[in-house]
Amino acid sequence: MTAEHEMNVNESELFQRLQAHTQPLVLDFWASWCMPCRAIEPWMRRLQKEYQGRVEVWKVNADEHARLLRRLRIFGIPTLIAYHQGSEVARQTGVGSFQSMQQLFEAALQGEALAPRGLARSERFLRLLIAGVLFYVAYLNRPGGGMLLLGGLAGIVFFSAVYDRCPVWRALYPRLRRWLAARLNTE
């Protein structure tokens, strides 16, 4: 197999190959119409060259493998998944920095899971600001459906700013993820 291999296999074949594959691997889920996929392409080529012979890259066209995306719980592209000896060790969805992609390749190479990334301060501040504005607008509205809708939306935006620091969420999230994975795998 080449350093970059376009995967034209079905779901079960891919999982068999993953299980049998011993070399570190990064799966790159992309689509031709996806601008973020195109944006990371130069970084992917650079990393493939840097890690040539040590980490293999398989490209999977997301448009041709919808069932596979559901099974792997991929909800956005580009998604990069790092595997070490057939087991997932790290994942990145969307456009990250070159350094975050490099860490993903290192995780595949070393077999060590990446520590979850928290929100940047600016991202957290922006979300809190938006939640505050939504709460204020909901407060100014007369009681009714609009106020409840805006208040609920504000609560969701607020939670998205602090979820990574919430001990209740940290305790419930692994259970929720396992439950959801079990439901998605039974389809």
N, C-alpha and C. Protein backbone atom coordinates (compact mmCIF):
# COMPACT_ATOMS: atom_id res chain seq x y z
N MET A 1 0.84 -1.19 0.00
CA MET A 1 0.00 0.00 0.00
C MET A 1 0.88 1.24 0.00
N THR A 2 0.45 2.27 -0.68
CA THR A 2 1.21 3.50 -0.73
C THR A 2 0.99 4.32 0.53
N ALA A 3 1.77 5.38 0.68
CA ALA A 3 1.64 6.25 1.86
C ALA A 3 0.25 6.86 1.92
N GLU A 4 -0.31 7.20 0.77
CA GLU A 4 -1.67 7.73 0.73
C GLU A 4 -2.47 6.78 -0.13
N HIS A 5 -3.45 6.13 0.47
CA HIS A 5 -4.20 5.10 -0.24
C HIS A 5 -5.67 5.45 -0.20
N GLU A 6 -6.28 5.62 -1.35
CA GLU A 6 -7.71 5.87 -1.45
C GLU A 6 -8.45 4.57 -1.16
N MET A 7 -9.32 4.60 -0.15
CA MET A 7 -10.01 3.39 0.26
C MET A 7 -11.30 3.22 -0.55
N ASN A 8 -11.33 2.20 -1.39
CA ASN A 8 -12.53 1.86 -2.16
C ASN A 8 -13.01 0.49 -1.72
N VAL A 9 -13.32 0.37 -0.45
CA VAL A 9 -13.76 -0.91 0.12
C VAL A 9 -15.07 -0.68 0.86
N ASN A 10 -15.74 -1.78 1.18
CA ASN A 10 -16.96 -1.64 1.96
C ASN A 10 -16.61 -1.58 3.45
N GLU A 11 -17.63 -1.36 4.26
CA GLU A 11 -17.45 -1.16 5.70
C GLU A 11 -16.76 -2.34 6.39
N SER A 12 -17.23 -3.56 6.12
CA SER A 12 -16.65 -4.72 6.81
C SER A 12 -15.21 -4.96 6.38
N GLU A 13 -14.90 -4.73 5.09
CA GLU A 13 -13.52 -4.89 4.63
C GLU A 13 -12.59 -3.89 5.32
N LEU A 14 -13.06 -2.66 5.47
CA LEU A 14 -12.23 -1.65 6.12
C LEU A 14 -11.93 -2.04 7.56
N PHE A 15 -12.94 -2.51 8.29
CA PHE A 15 -12.71 -2.90 9.68
C PHE A 15 -11.78 -4.11 9.77
N GLN A 16 -11.89 -5.04 8.84
CA GLN A 16 -10.97 -6.18 8.83
C GLN A 16 -9.54 -5.69 8.59
N ARG A 17 -9.36 -4.78 7.64
CA ARG A 17 -8.03 -4.24 7.37
C ARG A 17 -7.48 -3.48 8.57
N LEU A 18 -8.35 -2.71 9.23
CA LEU A 18 -7.91 -1.96 10.41
C LEU A 18 -7.43 -2.90 11.51
N GLN A 19 -8.18 -3.97 11.74
CA GLN A 19 -7.83 -4.92 12.80
C GLN A 19 -6.50 -5.61 12.50
N ALA A 20 -6.27 -5.90 11.23
CA ALA A 20 -5.05 -6.62 10.86
C ALA A 20 -3.86 -5.69 10.65
N HIS A 21 -4.12 -4.40 10.52
CA HIS A 21 -3.05 -3.45 10.20
C HIS A 21 -2.23 -3.13 11.45
N THR A 22 -0.95 -3.39 11.41
CA THR A 22 -0.10 -3.17 12.58
C THR A 22 0.65 -1.85 12.53
N GLN A 23 0.81 -1.28 11.34
CA GLN A 23 1.53 -0.01 11.21
C GLN A 23 0.64 1.13 11.68
N PRO A 24 1.22 2.16 12.31
CA PRO A 24 0.42 3.33 12.68
C PRO A 24 -0.28 3.91 11.46
N LEU A 25 -1.48 4.41 11.67
CA LEU A 25 -2.35 4.78 10.56
C LEU A 25 -3.18 6.01 10.90
N VAL A 26 -3.41 6.86 9.91
CA VAL A 26 -4.35 7.97 10.03
C VAL A 26 -5.38 7.82 8.93
N LEU A 27 -6.65 7.72 9.31
CA LEU A 27 -7.75 7.70 8.34
C LEU A 27 -8.19 9.14 8.13
N ASP A 28 -8.26 9.56 6.88
CA ASP A 28 -8.64 10.92 6.52
C ASP A 28 -9.99 10.85 5.80
N PHE A 29 -11.06 11.26 6.49
CA PHE A 29 -12.39 11.29 5.90
C PHE A 29 -12.61 12.66 5.29
N TRP A 30 -12.90 12.71 4.00
CA TRP A 30 -12.96 13.94 3.23
C TRP A 30 -14.06 13.86 2.19
N ALA A 31 -14.29 14.96 1.49
CA ALA A 31 -15.19 14.99 0.33
C ALA A 31 -14.66 16.05 -0.63
N SER A 32 -14.92 15.85 -1.90
CA SER A 32 -14.38 16.76 -2.92
C SER A 32 -14.96 18.16 -2.81
N TRP A 33 -16.19 18.29 -2.32
CA TRP A 33 -16.85 19.59 -2.21
C TRP A 33 -16.51 20.32 -0.91
N CYS A 34 -15.79 19.67 -0.01
CA CYS A 34 -15.53 20.19 1.34
C CYS A 34 -14.35 21.16 1.33
N MET A 35 -14.63 22.44 1.54
CA MET A 35 -13.57 23.45 1.55
C MET A 35 -12.60 23.26 2.72
N PRO A 36 -13.06 22.93 3.95
CA PRO A 36 -12.10 22.68 5.02
C PRO A 36 -11.17 21.49 4.70
N CYS A 37 -11.70 20.49 3.98
CA CYS A 37 -10.86 19.35 3.57
C CYS A 37 -9.74 19.84 2.65
N ARG A 38 -10.09 20.72 1.76
CA ARG A 38 -9.09 21.29 0.85
C ARG A 38 -8.09 22.15 1.60
N ALA A 39 -8.57 22.84 2.64
CA ALA A 39 -7.70 23.73 3.41
C ALA A 39 -6.60 22.96 4.14
N ILE A 40 -6.90 21.76 4.63
CA ILE A 40 -5.88 21.00 5.37
C ILE A 40 -5.01 20.14 4.47
N GLU A 41 -5.36 20.05 3.19
CA GLU A 41 -4.63 19.18 2.27
C GLU A 41 -3.12 19.46 2.22
N PRO A 42 -2.68 20.73 2.14
CA PRO A 42 -1.23 20.97 2.14
C PRO A 42 -0.54 20.48 3.41
N TRP A 43 -1.21 20.65 4.55
CA TRP A 43 -0.65 20.16 5.81
C TRP A 43 -0.59 18.64 5.81
N MET A 44 -1.63 18.00 5.26
CA MET A 44 -1.63 16.53 5.20
C MET A 44 -0.47 16.04 4.34
N ARG A 45 -0.25 16.67 3.19
CA ARG A 45 0.86 16.26 2.33
C ARG A 45 2.20 16.44 3.04
N ARG A 46 2.33 17.55 3.76
CA ARG A 46 3.58 17.81 4.50
C ARG A 46 3.79 16.75 5.59
N LEU A 47 2.73 16.42 6.32
CA LEU A 47 2.84 15.41 7.38
C LEU A 47 3.09 14.02 6.80
N GLN A 48 2.46 13.70 5.68
CA GLN A 48 2.71 12.41 5.04
C GLN A 48 4.18 12.28 4.66
N LYS A 49 4.75 13.35 4.16
CA LYS A 49 6.16 13.33 3.78
C LYS A 49 7.04 13.19 5.02
N GLU A 50 6.71 13.94 6.07
CA GLU A 50 7.48 13.90 7.32
C GLU A 50 7.42 12.54 8.00
N TYR A 51 6.27 11.88 7.92
CA TYR A 51 6.08 10.60 8.62
C TYR A 51 6.11 9.41 7.66
N GLN A 52 6.60 9.62 6.45
CA GLN A 52 6.64 8.56 5.44
C GLN A 52 7.40 7.34 5.96
N GLY A 53 6.77 6.19 5.79
CA GLY A 53 7.36 4.94 6.25
C GLY A 53 7.08 4.64 7.71
N ARG A 54 6.57 5.63 8.44
CA ARG A 54 6.28 5.42 9.87
C ARG A 54 4.78 5.46 10.17
N VAL A 55 4.04 6.34 9.47
CA VAL A 55 2.59 6.45 9.64
C VAL A 55 1.97 6.43 8.24
N GLU A 56 1.03 5.52 8.05
CA GLU A 56 0.35 5.41 6.77
C GLU A 56 -0.93 6.24 6.81
N VAL A 57 -1.34 6.77 5.65
CA VAL A 57 -2.56 7.57 5.55
C VAL A 57 -3.49 6.90 4.56
N TRP A 58 -4.73 6.65 5.00
CA TRP A 58 -5.77 6.13 4.13
C TRP A 58 -6.81 7.22 3.98
N LYS A 59 -7.13 7.59 2.76
CA LYS A 59 -8.16 8.60 2.49
C LYS A 59 -9.48 7.88 2.20
N VAL A 60 -10.55 8.33 2.87
CA VAL A 60 -11.87 7.73 2.69
C VAL A 60 -12.83 8.83 2.27
N ASN A 61 -13.42 8.66 1.08
CA ASN A 61 -14.38 9.63 0.58
C ASN A 61 -15.69 9.47 1.36
N ALA A 62 -16.04 10.50 2.12
CA ALA A 62 -17.22 10.45 3.00
C ALA A 62 -18.51 10.27 2.21
N ASP A 63 -18.57 10.82 1.00
CA ASP A 63 -19.79 10.71 0.19
C ASP A 63 -20.08 9.27 -0.23
N GLU A 64 -19.05 8.46 -0.33
CA GLU A 64 -19.22 7.08 -0.79
C GLU A 64 -19.36 6.07 0.35
N HIS A 65 -19.21 6.52 1.60
CA HIS A 65 -19.22 5.59 2.74
C HIS A 65 -20.07 6.11 3.90
N ALA A 66 -21.35 6.43 3.64
CA ALA A 66 -22.22 7.00 4.66
C ALA A 66 -22.42 6.06 5.85
N ARG A 67 -22.58 4.76 5.60
CA ARG A 67 -22.77 3.81 6.71
C ARG A 67 -21.53 3.74 7.58
N LEU A 68 -20.37 3.79 6.95
CA LEU A 68 -19.11 3.76 7.70
C LEU A 68 -19.00 4.99 8.59
N LEU A 69 -19.40 6.15 8.10
CA LEU A 69 -19.36 7.36 8.91
C LEU A 69 -20.25 7.23 10.13
N ARG A 70 -21.46 6.68 9.93
CA ARG A 70 -22.36 6.48 11.08
C ARG A 70 -21.75 5.51 12.08
N ARG A 71 -21.17 4.44 11.59
CA ARG A 71 -20.60 3.42 12.49
C ARG A 71 -19.42 3.98 13.29
N LEU A 72 -18.63 4.84 12.67
CA LEU A 72 -17.49 5.44 13.37
C LEU A 72 -17.86 6.72 14.11
N ARG A 73 -19.14 7.08 14.10
CA ARG A 73 -19.64 8.28 14.78
C ARG A 73 -18.93 9.53 14.26
N ILE A 74 -18.87 9.65 12.95
CA ILE A 74 -18.30 10.83 12.32
C ILE A 74 -19.45 11.73 11.90
N PHE A 75 -19.50 12.91 12.47
CA PHE A 75 -20.61 13.82 12.22
C PHE A 75 -20.20 15.06 11.44
N GLY A 76 -18.94 15.16 11.06
CA GLY A 76 -18.46 16.29 10.29
C GLY A 76 -17.17 15.92 9.60
N ILE A 77 -16.90 16.62 8.51
CA ILE A 77 -15.65 16.40 7.80
C ILE A 77 -14.94 17.73 7.62
N PRO A 78 -13.65 17.74 7.54
CA PRO A 78 -12.76 16.58 7.57
C PRO A 78 -12.68 16.00 8.98
N THR A 79 -12.55 14.70 9.04
CA THR A 79 -12.27 14.00 10.29
C THR A 79 -11.04 13.14 10.08
N LEU A 80 -10.09 13.27 10.98
CA LEU A 80 -8.88 12.45 10.96
C LEU A 80 -8.92 11.55 12.19
N ILE A 81 -8.71 10.26 11.98
CA ILE A 81 -8.69 9.30 13.09
C ILE A 81 -7.35 8.59 13.08
N ALA A 82 -6.66 8.64 14.20
CA ALA A 82 -5.36 7.98 14.34
C ALA A 82 -5.56 6.60 14.95
N TYR A 83 -4.91 5.59 14.34
CA TYR A 83 -4.97 4.21 14.83
C TYR A 83 -3.56 3.73 15.14
N HIS A 84 -3.47 2.98 16.20
CA HIS A 84 -2.21 2.32 16.56
C HIS A 84 -2.54 0.85 16.83
N GLN A 85 -1.96 -0.02 16.05
CA GLN A 85 -2.19 -1.47 16.14
C GLN A 85 -3.68 -1.80 16.11
N GLY A 86 -4.41 -1.14 15.21
CA GLY A 86 -5.82 -1.44 14.99
C GLY A 86 -6.80 -0.78 15.94
N SER A 87 -6.31 0.02 16.89
CA SER A 87 -7.20 0.68 17.85
C SER A 87 -7.11 2.19 17.70
N GLU A 88 -8.27 2.84 17.79
CA GLU A 88 -8.30 4.30 17.69
C GLU A 88 -7.64 4.92 18.91
N VAL A 89 -6.72 5.86 18.67
CA VAL A 89 -6.06 6.54 19.78
C VAL A 89 -6.33 8.04 19.80
N ALA A 90 -6.74 8.61 18.67
CA ALA A 90 -7.00 10.06 18.64
C ALA A 90 -7.90 10.38 17.46
N ARG A 91 -8.55 11.53 17.56
CA ARG A 91 -9.49 11.97 16.51
C ARG A 91 -9.52 13.49 16.48
N GLN A 92 -9.64 14.02 15.27
CA GLN A 92 -9.80 15.46 15.09
C GLN A 92 -10.84 15.70 14.01
N THR A 93 -11.81 16.53 14.32
CA THR A 93 -12.84 16.89 13.34
C THR A 93 -12.72 18.38 13.06
N GLY A 94 -12.78 18.72 11.78
CA GLY A 94 -12.69 20.12 11.38
C GLY A 94 -11.25 20.53 11.16
N VAL A 95 -11.10 21.79 10.85
CA VAL A 95 -9.77 22.35 10.60
C VAL A 95 -9.16 22.73 11.94
N GLY A 96 -8.07 22.08 12.27
CA GLY A 96 -7.31 22.44 13.45
C GLY A 96 -6.01 23.09 13.01
N SER A 97 -5.14 23.27 13.93
CA SER A 97 -3.84 23.84 13.59
C SER A 97 -2.93 22.74 13.03
N PHE A 98 -1.85 23.15 12.41
CA PHE A 98 -0.87 22.18 11.93
C PHE A 98 -0.33 21.37 13.11
N GLN A 99 -0.11 22.04 14.24
CA GLN A 99 0.41 21.36 15.42
C GLN A 99 -0.55 20.30 15.94
N SER A 100 -1.86 20.57 15.89
CA SER A 100 -2.82 19.57 16.36
C SER A 100 -2.82 18.35 15.43
N MET A 101 -2.65 18.61 14.13
CA MET A 101 -2.57 17.48 13.19
C MET A 101 -1.28 16.70 13.41
N GLN A 102 -0.21 17.39 13.69
CA GLN A 102 1.07 16.73 13.96
C GLN A 102 0.96 15.88 15.23
N GLN A 103 0.26 16.37 16.24
CA GLN A 103 0.03 15.60 17.46
C GLN A 103 -0.77 14.34 17.17
N LEU A 104 -1.70 14.43 16.23
CA LEU A 104 -2.50 13.27 15.83
C LEU A 104 -1.59 12.20 15.21
N PHE A 105 -0.68 12.61 14.33
CA PHE A 105 0.27 11.67 13.73
C PHE A 105 1.18 11.06 14.80
N GLU A 106 1.62 11.88 15.76
CA GLU A 106 2.45 11.37 16.86
C GLU A 106 1.68 10.37 17.71
N ALA A 107 0.39 10.63 17.94
CA ALA A 107 -0.44 9.71 18.71
C ALA A 107 -0.53 8.36 18.00
N ALA A 108 -0.67 8.39 16.68
CA ALA A 108 -0.71 7.14 15.91
C ALA A 108 0.63 6.41 16.03
N LEU A 109 1.70 7.15 15.96
CA LEU A 109 3.04 6.58 16.02
C LEU A 109 3.35 6.00 17.40
N GLN A 110 3.02 6.74 18.44
CA GLN A 110 3.35 6.33 19.81
C GLN A 110 2.30 5.42 20.45
N GLY A 111 1.07 5.48 19.94
CA GLY A 111 0.00 4.68 20.52
C GLY A 111 -0.56 5.26 21.80
N GLU A 112 -0.34 6.55 22.01
CA GLU A 112 -0.83 7.21 23.22
C GLU A 112 -1.96 8.15 22.85
N ALA A 113 -3.06 8.06 23.60
CA ALA A 113 -4.22 8.91 23.34
C ALA A 113 -3.88 10.36 23.64
N LEU A 114 -4.44 11.25 22.85
CA LEU A 114 -4.25 12.68 23.10
C LEU A 114 -5.14 13.13 24.24
N ALA A 115 -4.65 14.06 25.02
CA ALA A 115 -5.47 14.65 26.06
C ALA A 115 -6.55 15.49 25.38
N PRO A 116 -7.78 15.43 25.88
CA PRO A 116 -8.83 16.23 25.26
C PRO A 116 -8.49 17.72 25.31
N ARG A 117 -8.77 18.39 24.20
CA ARG A 117 -8.50 19.82 24.13
C ARG A 117 -9.68 20.57 24.69
N GLY A 118 -9.38 21.59 25.48
CA GLY A 118 -10.43 22.47 25.96
C GLY A 118 -10.63 23.62 24.98
N LEU A 119 -11.57 24.45 25.29
CA LEU A 119 -11.82 25.61 24.45
C LEU A 119 -10.75 26.67 24.68
N ALA A 120 -10.43 27.41 23.63
CA ALA A 120 -9.55 28.56 23.78
C ALA A 120 -10.28 29.62 24.58
N ARG A 121 -9.53 30.47 25.26
CA ARG A 121 -10.16 31.53 26.06
C ARG A 121 -11.07 32.41 25.22
N SER A 122 -10.60 32.76 24.04
CA SER A 122 -11.42 33.64 23.18
C SER A 122 -12.72 32.95 22.78
N GLU A 123 -12.65 31.64 22.49
CA GLU A 123 -13.86 30.88 22.13
C GLU A 123 -14.82 30.80 23.31
N ARG A 124 -14.28 30.54 24.51
CA ARG A 124 -15.11 30.45 25.71
C ARG A 124 -15.77 31.81 25.98
N PHE A 125 -14.99 32.89 25.88
CA PHE A 125 -15.51 34.23 26.12
C PHE A 125 -16.62 34.57 25.13
N LEU A 126 -16.39 34.27 23.86
CA LEU A 126 -17.38 34.58 22.83
C LEU A 126 -18.68 33.82 23.09
N ARG A 127 -18.59 32.56 23.45
CA ARG A 127 -19.80 31.78 23.74
C ARG A 127 -20.54 32.34 24.95
N LEU A 128 -19.79 32.72 26.00
CA LEU A 128 -20.43 33.30 27.18
C LEU A 128 -21.09 34.63 26.84
N LEU A 129 -20.44 35.42 26.02
CA LEU A 129 -21.01 36.70 25.59
C LEU A 129 -22.30 36.49 24.81
N ILE A 130 -22.30 35.57 23.88
CA ILE A 130 -23.50 35.28 23.09
C ILE A 130 -24.63 34.77 23.99
N ALA A 131 -24.29 33.90 24.94
CA ALA A 131 -25.30 33.40 25.87
C ALA A 131 -25.88 34.54 26.69
N GLY A 132 -25.03 35.46 27.13
CA GLY A 132 -25.50 36.61 27.90
C GLY A 132 -26.44 37.49 27.10
N VAL A 133 -26.10 37.75 25.85
CA VAL A 133 -26.96 38.56 24.98
C VAL A 133 -28.30 37.86 24.77
N LEU A 134 -28.27 36.55 24.52
CA LEU A 134 -29.52 35.81 24.32
C LEU A 134 -30.38 35.83 25.58
N PHE A 135 -29.77 35.67 26.78
CA PHE A 135 -30.53 35.74 28.03
C PHE A 135 -31.15 37.13 28.19
N TYR A 136 -30.39 38.16 27.87
CA TYR A 136 -30.88 39.53 28.00
C TYR A 136 -32.07 39.78 27.07
N VAL A 137 -31.95 39.35 25.81
CA VAL A 137 -33.05 39.53 24.86
C VAL A 137 -34.27 38.73 25.31
N ALA A 138 -34.05 37.52 25.83
CA ALA A 138 -35.17 36.71 26.33
C ALA A 138 -35.83 37.40 27.52
N TYR A 139 -35.03 38.03 28.38
CA TYR A 139 -35.56 38.74 29.55
C TYR A 139 -36.41 39.93 29.13
N LEU A 140 -35.99 40.63 28.05
CA LEU A 140 -36.73 41.80 27.58
C LEU A 140 -38.05 41.44 26.92
N ASN A 141 -38.16 40.25 26.36
CA ASN A 141 -39.40 39.81 25.71
C ASN A 141 -40.49 39.56 26.74
N ARG A 142 -41.69 39.71 26.29
CA ARG A 142 -42.81 39.39 27.17
C ARG A 142 -42.87 37.87 27.34
N PRO A 143 -43.42 37.42 28.48
CA PRO A 143 -43.50 35.96 28.69
C PRO A 143 -44.24 35.28 27.54
N GLY A 144 -43.74 34.16 27.14
CA GLY A 144 -44.35 33.41 26.06
C GLY A 144 -43.35 32.47 25.42
N GLY A 145 -43.75 31.91 24.28
CA GLY A 145 -42.92 30.93 23.59
C GLY A 145 -41.58 31.47 23.13
N GLY A 146 -41.54 32.72 22.64
CA GLY A 146 -40.29 33.31 22.18
C GLY A 146 -39.27 33.43 23.31
N MET A 147 -39.75 33.83 24.48
CA MET A 147 -38.86 33.98 25.63
C MET A 147 -38.28 32.62 26.04
N LEU A 148 -39.14 31.61 26.05
CA LEU A 148 -38.67 30.28 26.43
C LEU A 148 -37.67 29.73 25.41
N LEU A 149 -37.95 29.95 24.14
CA LEU A 149 -37.06 29.48 23.09
C LEU A 149 -35.69 30.15 23.18
N LEU A 150 -35.69 31.48 23.31
CA LEU A 150 -34.42 32.20 23.44
C LEU A 150 -33.68 31.84 24.72
N GLY A 151 -34.44 31.70 25.82
CA GLY A 151 -33.82 31.30 27.09
C GLY A 151 -33.20 29.92 26.99
N GLY A 152 -33.89 28.99 26.33
CA GLY A 152 -33.35 27.65 26.14
C GLY A 152 -32.11 27.65 25.27
N LEU A 153 -32.16 28.43 24.19
CA LEU A 153 -30.99 28.56 23.31
C LEU A 153 -29.82 29.17 24.07
N ALA A 154 -30.09 30.18 24.88
CA ALA A 154 -29.03 30.80 25.68
C ALA A 154 -28.41 29.79 26.64
N GLY A 155 -29.25 28.95 27.23
CA GLY A 155 -28.74 27.92 28.13
C GLY A 155 -27.84 26.92 27.42
N ILE A 156 -28.21 26.54 26.20
CA ILE A 156 -27.39 25.62 25.41
C ILE A 156 -26.06 26.26 25.05
N VAL A 157 -26.09 27.51 24.62
CA VAL A 157 -24.84 28.21 24.27
C VAL A 157 -23.97 28.36 25.51
N PHE A 158 -24.58 28.71 26.65
CA PHE A 158 -23.82 28.83 27.89
C PHE A 158 -23.16 27.50 28.25
N PHE A 159 -23.93 26.41 28.18
CA PHE A 159 -23.37 25.10 28.51
C PHE A 159 -22.23 24.73 27.57
N SER A 160 -22.35 25.10 26.28
CA SER A 160 -21.27 24.79 25.34
C SER A 160 -19.97 25.51 25.70
N ALA A 161 -20.07 26.59 26.49
CA ALA A 161 -18.88 27.34 26.90
C ALA A 161 -18.22 26.74 28.14
N VAL A 162 -18.97 25.95 28.92
CA VAL A 162 -18.41 25.46 30.19
C VAL A 162 -18.44 23.94 30.34
N TYR A 163 -18.96 23.22 29.34
CA TYR A 163 -19.15 21.78 29.49
C TYR A 163 -17.86 21.05 29.85
N ASP A 164 -16.73 21.50 29.30
CA ASP A 164 -15.47 20.79 29.53
C ASP A 164 -14.96 20.97 30.95
N ARG A 165 -15.55 21.87 31.71
CA ARG A 165 -15.16 22.08 33.11
C ARG A 165 -16.21 21.57 34.08
N CYS A 166 -17.30 21.04 33.57
CA CYS A 166 -18.42 20.61 34.40
C CYS A 166 -18.20 19.18 34.90
N PRO A 167 -18.09 18.97 36.22
CA PRO A 167 -17.84 17.61 36.74
C PRO A 167 -19.00 16.65 36.47
N VAL A 168 -20.23 17.15 36.45
CA VAL A 168 -21.38 16.28 36.16
C VAL A 168 -21.29 15.79 34.72
N TRP A 169 -20.98 16.69 33.78
CA TRP A 169 -20.83 16.32 32.38
C TRP A 169 -19.70 15.32 32.21
N ARG A 170 -18.58 15.54 32.88
CA ARG A 170 -17.44 14.61 32.79
C ARG A 170 -17.81 13.22 33.28
N ALA A 171 -18.67 13.16 34.28
CA ALA A 171 -19.09 11.87 34.81
C ALA A 171 -20.10 11.18 33.89
N LEU A 172 -21.00 11.95 33.30
CA LEU A 172 -22.06 11.38 32.48
C LEU A 172 -21.64 11.13 31.03
N TYR A 173 -20.72 11.93 30.51
CA TYR A 173 -20.37 11.85 29.09
C TYR A 173 -19.90 10.47 28.65
N PRO A 174 -18.98 9.80 29.36
CA PRO A 174 -18.57 8.46 28.89
C PRO A 174 -19.74 7.47 28.82
N ARG A 175 -20.64 7.53 29.78
CA ARG A 175 -21.81 6.64 29.76
C ARG A 175 -22.73 6.98 28.60
N LEU A 176 -22.96 8.27 28.38
CA LEU A 176 -23.80 8.72 27.27
C LEU A 176 -23.18 8.31 25.94
N ARG A 177 -21.88 8.44 25.82
CA ARG A 177 -21.19 8.07 24.58
C ARG A 177 -21.31 6.57 24.32
N ARG A 178 -21.12 5.74 25.35
CA ARG A 178 -21.27 4.28 25.18
C ARG A 178 -22.69 3.92 24.81
N TRP A 179 -23.68 4.54 25.45
CA TRP A 179 -25.09 4.27 25.16
C TRP A 179 -25.40 4.64 23.71
N LEU A 180 -24.94 5.82 23.28
CA LEU A 180 -25.19 6.28 21.94
C LEU A 180 -24.49 5.38 20.90
N ALA A 181 -23.26 4.99 21.21
CA ALA A 181 -22.52 4.10 20.30
C ALA A 181 -23.23 2.76 20.14
N ALA A 182 -23.77 2.24 21.23
CA ALA A 182 -24.49 0.96 21.18
C ALA A 182 -25.74 1.11 20.31
N ARG A 183 -26.44 2.24 20.41
CA ARG A 183 -27.64 2.45 19.61
C ARG A 183 -27.29 2.63 18.13
N LEU A 184 -26.19 3.32 17.82
CA LEU A 184 -25.80 3.54 16.44
C LEU A 184 -25.27 2.27 15.79
N ASN A 185 -24.64 1.40 16.56
CA ASN A 185 -24.08 0.17 16.01
C ASN A 185 -25.14 -0.90 15.78
N THR A 186 -26.32 -0.73 16.37
CA THR A 186 -27.37 -1.74 16.17
C THR A 186 -28.19 -1.47 14.92
N GLU A 187 -27.99 -0.31 14.29
CA GLU A 187 -28.76 0.00 13.07
C GLU A 187 -28.29 -0.81 11.89
